[in-house]
Amino acid sequence: MFENSYISVNRLATRLGLSVNYLKELADNGLIPSLVVNEKLRFNPSQVQDALNRLAEKRGQKIGGVIKMREHLLHRHKKGISTQGEAI
């Protein structure tokens, strides 16, 4: 497979062990890179992994950072605070 190829959200979710909804949420908030092709989200797995690693490092944790970031986004969403383009 090509290093710069793009895959569906379902394949990415399987590869990363994350839910489809969570990946869509991250993409919608500009926290992971994505493209819309023929009205469907497409992802470059290596770019997404790099973005997730940066987000986890910013949260101070390598593995749990992604979970903590999701909790942060859900908390802000429940309070009605925009997360669009937020760098965590």
Protein backbone atom coordinates (compact mmCIF):
# COMPACT_ATOMS: atom_id res chain seq x y z
CA MET A 1 0.00 0.00 0.00
CA PHE A 2 1.18 3.53 -0.73
CA GLU A 3 2.40 5.60 2.18
CA ASN A 4 0.34 8.59 1.01
CA SER A 5 -2.85 6.68 0.25
CA TYR A 6 -6.19 7.64 1.76
CA ILE A 7 -8.57 5.18 3.37
CA SER A 8 -12.15 5.20 4.63
CA VAL A 9 -13.09 6.09 8.18
CA ASN A 10 -14.12 2.47 8.76
CA ARG A 11 -10.69 1.12 7.77
CA LEU A 12 -8.96 3.80 9.83
CA ALA A 13 -11.08 2.98 12.87
CA THR A 14 -10.19 -0.70 12.56
CA ARG A 15 -6.50 0.08 12.09
CA LEU A 16 -6.32 2.44 15.08
CA GLY A 17 -8.76 0.64 17.37
CA LEU A 18 -10.92 3.76 17.71
CA SER A 19 -14.61 4.24 16.98
CA VAL A 20 -15.85 5.65 13.69
CA ASN A 21 -17.86 8.30 15.54
CA TYR A 22 -14.82 9.45 17.51
CA LEU A 23 -12.71 9.79 14.36
CA LYS A 24 -15.49 11.74 12.65
CA GLU A 25 -15.73 14.01 15.70
CA LEU A 26 -11.98 14.67 15.61
CA ALA A 27 -12.11 15.39 11.89
CA ASP A 28 -15.15 17.68 12.23
CA ASN A 29 -13.29 19.66 14.89
CA GLY A 30 -10.16 19.95 12.74
CA LEU A 31 -8.08 17.91 15.17
CA ILE A 32 -7.04 15.28 12.63
CA PRO A 33 -6.48 15.80 8.89
CA SER A 34 -9.13 14.51 6.50
CA LEU A 35 -10.47 14.96 3.00
CA VAL A 36 -13.99 14.73 1.68
CA VAL A 37 -14.07 12.75 -1.56
CA ASN A 38 -17.42 12.04 -3.20
CA GLU A 39 -19.12 13.12 0.03
CA LYS A 40 -17.14 10.59 2.12
CA LEU A 41 -14.35 11.19 4.61
CA ARG A 42 -10.91 9.89 3.65
CA PHE A 43 -7.82 9.78 5.85
CA ASN A 44 -4.10 9.30 5.42
CA PRO A 45 -3.30 6.89 8.28
CA SER A 46 0.25 8.13 8.90
CA GLN A 47 -0.88 11.77 9.01
CA VAL A 48 -3.70 10.89 11.41
CA GLN A 49 -1.34 8.91 13.65
CA ASP A 50 1.06 11.87 13.73
CA ALA A 51 -1.80 14.22 14.66
CA LEU A 52 -3.01 11.87 17.40
CA ASN A 53 0.52 11.60 18.81
CA ARG A 54 0.85 15.41 18.89
CA LEU A 55 -2.53 15.73 20.61
CA ALA A 56 -1.59 13.10 23.18
CA GLU A 57 1.74 14.80 23.87
CA LYS A 58 0.01 18.15 24.36
CA ARG A 59 -2.22 16.48 26.92
CA GLY A 60 0.89 15.12 28.66
CA GLN A 61 0.19 11.46 28.01
CA LYS A 62 1.14 9.22 25.08
CA ILE A 63 -1.62 6.62 25.20
CA GLY A 64 -4.30 7.99 27.52
CA GLY A 65 -4.09 11.43 25.95
CA VAL A 66 -6.50 10.50 23.20
CA ILE A 67 -9.07 9.35 25.75
CA LYS A 68 -8.52 12.45 27.89
CA MET A 69 -8.86 14.66 24.80
CA ARG A 70 -12.20 13.00 23.97
CA GLU A 71 -13.41 13.62 27.51
CA HIS A 72 -12.34 17.26 27.16
CA LEU A 73 -14.20 17.64 23.84
CA LEU A 74 -17.34 15.99 25.19
CA HIS A 75 -17.25 18.22 28.28
CA ARG A 76 -16.94 21.34 26.12
CA HIS A 77 -19.68 20.09 23.77
CA LYS A 78 -22.08 19.52 26.68
CA LYS A 79 -21.43 23.07 27.89
CA GLY A 80 -22.03 24.44 24.38
CA ILE A 81 -18.45 25.64 23.96
CA SER A 82 -17.11 25.49 20.40
CA THR A 83 -14.15 23.19 19.79
CA GLN A 84 -13.76 24.13 16.11
CA GLY A 85 -10.05 24.26 15.33
CA GLU A 86 -9.06 24.05 18.97
CA ALA A 87 -5.51 22.92 19.56
CA ILE A 88 -5.36 20.75 22.62
